[in-house]
Amino acid sequence: QVQLGESGGGLVQAGGSLRLSCAASGSISGINSMGWYRQAPGKQRELVAAVGNGGTTTYADSVKGRFTISRDNAKKMVFLQMNSLTPEDTAVYYCNLAMYNYAGRHDYWGQGTQVTVSS
């Protein structure tokens, strides 16, 4: 059973930076993607950024040029460097692991970490 644990959230002023980390325990195999989603109050959960096990990255348009995702396959970790933060980035950020096999996609989620950006 895979479990994900996030760290690095907090309160920061607009224009500041935060770095989120997520560590996975358990077996990760095959085609997979690790990433970050966020959910603001009253809004749907949305993809922020993801990176495949081959290194391909995907970013939401709203964070391109400000956020950088990276992963360490050996340590089973994924990171999100967030720069030039704005109040619109305030949300609970969830680490995600998506594994793909013949049956389709299976998602694992962390418990979430709060990011609050003050103006």
C-alpha atoms as a PDB file:
ATOM      1  CA  GLN A   1       0.000   0.000   0.000  1.00  0.00           C
ATOM      2  CA  VAL A   2       1.375   3.393  -1.022  1.00  0.00           C
ATOM      3  CA  GLN A   3       1.238   6.297   1.398  1.00  0.00           C
ATOM      4  CA  LEU A   4       2.175   9.909   0.701  1.00  0.00           C
ATOM      5  CA  GLY A   5       3.315  12.493   3.221  1.00  0.00           C
ATOM      6  CA  GLU A   6       3.657  16.206   2.452  1.00  0.00           C
ATOM      7  CA  SER A   7       5.612  18.952   4.167  1.00  0.00           C
ATOM      8  CA  GLY A   8       6.606  22.536   3.528  1.00  0.00           C
ATOM      9  CA  GLY A   9       3.353  24.461   3.559  1.00  0.00           C
ATOM     10  CA  GLY A  10       2.858  27.616   5.561  1.00  0.00           C
ATOM     11  CA  LEU A  11       2.167  31.320   5.528  1.00  0.00           C
ATOM     12  CA  VAL A  12       4.116  33.601   3.226  1.00  0.00           C
ATOM     13  CA  GLN A  13       3.755  37.141   1.948  1.00  0.00           C
ATOM     14  CA  ALA A  14       2.939  37.855  -1.678  1.00  0.00           C
ATOM     15  CA  GLY A  15       6.054  37.646  -3.797  1.00  0.00           C
ATOM     16  CA  GLY A  16       7.621  35.087  -1.501  1.00  0.00           C
ATOM     17  CA  SER A  17       8.583  31.471  -2.031  1.00  0.00           C
ATOM     18  CA  LEU A  18       7.814  28.076  -0.540  1.00  0.00           C
ATOM     19  CA  ARG A  19       9.032  24.581  -1.302  1.00  0.00           C
ATOM     20  CA  LEU A  20       6.730  21.629  -0.869  1.00  0.00           C
ATOM     21  CA  SER A  21       8.032  18.094  -0.439  1.00  0.00           C
ATOM     22  CA  CYS A  22       6.255  14.781  -0.676  1.00  0.00           C
ATOM     23  CA  ALA A  23       7.649  11.390   0.234  1.00  0.00           C
ATOM     24  CA  ALA A  24       6.092   8.127  -0.858  1.00  0.00           C
ATOM     25  CA  SER A  25       6.295   4.856   0.996  1.00  0.00           C
ATOM     26  CA  GLY A  26       5.505   1.503  -0.542  1.00  0.00           C
ATOM     27  CA  SER A  27       6.108   0.145  -3.988  1.00  0.00           C
ATOM     28  CA  ILE A  28       5.998   2.426  -7.008  1.00  0.00           C
ATOM     29  CA  SER A  29       6.282   0.563 -10.260  1.00  0.00           C
ATOM     30  CA  GLY A  30       5.503   0.819 -13.922  1.00  0.00           C
ATOM     31  CA  ILE A  31       4.256   3.934 -15.628  1.00  0.00           C
ATOM     32  CA  ASN A  32       3.480   6.578 -13.064  1.00  0.00           C
ATOM     33  CA  SER A  33       3.252  10.268 -12.427  1.00  0.00           C
ATOM     34  CA  MET A  34       3.812  12.275  -9.267  1.00  0.00           C
ATOM     35  CA  GLY A  35       2.373  15.698  -8.884  1.00  0.00           C
ATOM     36  CA  TRP A  36       0.603  18.367  -6.935  1.00  0.00           C
ATOM     37  CA  TYR A  37      -3.016  19.409  -6.941  1.00  0.00           C
ATOM     38  CA  ARG A  38      -4.602  22.232  -4.983  1.00  0.00           C
ATOM     39  CA  GLN A  39      -8.030  23.088  -3.716  1.00  0.00           C
ATOM     40  CA  ALA A  40      -9.088  26.543  -2.642  1.00  0.00           C
ATOM     41  CA  PRO A  41     -12.245  27.136  -0.573  1.00  0.00           C
ATOM     42  CA  GLY A  42     -15.334  26.795  -2.724  1.00  0.00           C
ATOM     43  CA  LYS A  43     -13.370  25.591  -5.734  1.00  0.00           C
ATOM     44  CA  GLN A  44     -12.673  22.239  -7.334  1.00  0.00           C
ATOM     45  CA  ARG A  45      -9.375  20.486  -6.889  1.00  0.00           C
ATOM     46  CA  GLU A  46      -7.078  21.359  -9.786  1.00  0.00           C
ATOM     47  CA  LEU A  47      -3.797  20.105 -11.161  1.00  0.00           C
ATOM     48  CA  VAL A  48      -0.864  22.381 -10.385  1.00  0.00           C
ATOM     49  CA  ALA A  49       2.018  20.373 -11.811  1.00  0.00           C
ATOM     50  CA  ALA A  50       3.002  16.777 -12.477  1.00  0.00           C
ATOM     51  CA  VAL A  51       6.099  14.890 -13.548  1.00  0.00           C
ATOM     52  CA  GLY A  52       6.187  11.450 -15.093  1.00  0.00           C
ATOM     53  CA  ASN A  53       8.709   8.791 -14.186  1.00  0.00           C
ATOM     54  CA  GLY A  54      10.442   9.590 -17.474  1.00  0.00           C
ATOM     55  CA  GLY A  55      10.772  13.244 -16.515  1.00  0.00           C
ATOM     56  CA  THR A  56       8.029  14.808 -18.622  1.00  0.00           C
ATOM     57  CA  THR A  57       6.426  17.747 -16.801  1.00  0.00           C
ATOM     58  CA  THR A  58       3.012  19.381 -16.981  1.00  0.00           C
ATOM     59  CA  TYR A  59       2.017  22.710 -15.449  1.00  0.00           C
ATOM     60  CA  ALA A  60      -1.198  24.626 -15.023  1.00  0.00           C
ATOM     61  CA  ASP A  61      -1.103  27.827 -17.061  1.00  0.00           C
ATOM     62  CA  SER A  62      -1.514  29.885 -13.897  1.00  0.00           C
ATOM     63  CA  VAL A  63       1.782  28.663 -12.435  1.00  0.00           C
ATOM     64  CA  LYS A  64       4.000  28.396 -15.516  1.00  0.00           C
ATOM     65  CA  GLY A  65       7.195  30.363 -15.053  1.00  0.00           C
ATOM     66  CA  ARG A  66       6.700  30.570 -11.274  1.00  0.00           C
ATOM     67  CA  PHE A  67       6.538  26.966 -10.053  1.00  0.00           C
ATOM     68  CA  THR A  68       8.977  24.154 -10.749  1.00  0.00           C
ATOM     69  CA  ILE A  69       8.287  20.492 -10.111  1.00  0.00           C
ATOM     70  CA  SER A  70      10.991  17.877  -9.695  1.00  0.00           C
ATOM     71  CA  ARG A  71      11.256  14.329  -8.451  1.00  0.00           C
ATOM     72  CA  ASP A  72      13.876  12.028  -7.006  1.00  0.00           C
ATOM     73  CA  ASN A  73      13.001   8.519  -8.113  1.00  0.00           C
ATOM     74  CA  ALA A  74      15.567   6.862  -5.861  1.00  0.00           C
ATOM     75  CA  LYS A  75      14.074   8.527  -2.787  1.00  0.00           C
ATOM     76  CA  LYS A  76      10.498   8.332  -4.067  1.00  0.00           C
ATOM     77  CA  MET A  77      10.024  12.045  -3.520  1.00  0.00           C
ATOM     78  CA  VAL A  78       8.497  14.911  -5.443  1.00  0.00           C
ATOM     79  CA  PHE A  79       9.082  18.603  -4.849  1.00  0.00           C
ATOM     80  CA  LEU A  80       7.329  21.801  -5.815  1.00  0.00           C
ATOM     81  CA  GLN A  81       9.321  25.021  -5.750  1.00  0.00           C
ATOM     82  CA  MET A  82       6.873  27.924  -5.693  1.00  0.00           C
ATOM     83  CA  ASN A  83       8.158  31.424  -6.416  1.00  0.00           C
ATOM     84  CA  SER A  84       6.444  34.781  -6.859  1.00  0.00           C
ATOM     85  CA  LEU A  85       3.474  33.583  -4.866  1.00  0.00           C
ATOM     86  CA  THR A  86       0.224  35.530  -5.000  1.00  0.00           C
ATOM     87  CA  PRO A  87      -2.890  35.395  -2.796  1.00  0.00           C
ATOM     88  CA  GLU A  88      -4.555  33.413  -5.611  1.00  0.00           C
ATOM     89  CA  ASP A  89      -2.159  30.557  -4.833  1.00  0.00           C
ATOM     90  CA  THR A  90      -3.707  30.137  -1.399  1.00  0.00           C
ATOM     91  CA  ALA A  91      -5.086  26.614  -1.126  1.00  0.00           C
ATOM     92  CA  VAL A  92      -4.584  23.193   0.355  1.00  0.00           C
ATOM     93  CA  TYR A  93      -1.956  21.453  -1.739  1.00  0.00           C
ATOM     94  CA  TYR A  94      -2.204  17.701  -2.187  1.00  0.00           C
ATOM     95  CA  CYS A  95       0.521  15.361  -3.303  1.00  0.00           C
ATOM     96  CA  ASN A  96      -0.623  12.814  -5.880  1.00  0.00           C
ATOM     97  CA  LEU A  97       0.778   9.590  -7.234  1.00  0.00           C
ATOM     98  CA  ALA A  98      -0.927   8.166 -10.294  1.00  0.00           C
ATOM     99  CA  MET A  99      -0.009   4.648 -11.347  1.00  0.00           C
ATOM    100  CA  TYR A 100      -1.113   3.157 -14.635  1.00  0.00           C
ATOM    101  CA  ASN A 101      -1.583  -0.504 -15.470  1.00  0.00           C
ATOM    102  CA  TYR A 102      -3.818  -2.695 -17.623  1.00  0.00           C
ATOM    103  CA  ALA A 103      -6.779  -1.766 -15.414  1.00  0.00           C
ATOM    104  CA  GLY A 104      -6.293   1.955 -15.874  1.00  0.00           C
ATOM    105  CA  ARG A 105      -5.228   4.725 -13.518  1.00  0.00           C
ATOM    106  CA  HIS A 106      -5.054   4.405  -9.744  1.00  0.00           C
ATOM    107  CA  ASP A 107      -4.555   7.530  -7.638  1.00  0.00           C
ATOM    108  CA  TYR A 108      -2.988   7.903  -4.227  1.00  0.00           C
ATOM    109  CA  TRP A 109      -3.257  11.138  -2.226  1.00  0.00           C
ATOM    110  CA  GLY A 110      -1.487  12.798   0.632  1.00  0.00           C
ATOM    111  CA  GLN A 111      -3.338  14.427   3.488  1.00  0.00           C
ATOM    112  CA  GLY A 112      -2.725  17.933   2.152  1.00  0.00           C
ATOM    113  CA  THR A 113      -0.705  20.895   3.334  1.00  0.00           C
ATOM    114  CA  GLN A 114      -2.020  24.436   3.672  1.00  0.00           C
ATOM    115  CA  VAL A 115      -0.382  27.245   1.713  1.00  0.00           C
ATOM    116  CA  THR A 116      -1.533  30.742   2.606  1.00  0.00           C
ATOM    117  CA  VAL A 117      -0.265  33.809   0.758  1.00  0.00           C
ATOM    118  CA  SER A 118      -0.999  37.155   2.357  1.00  0.00           C
ATOM    119  CA  SER A 119      -1.273  40.369   0.362  1.00  0.00           C
END
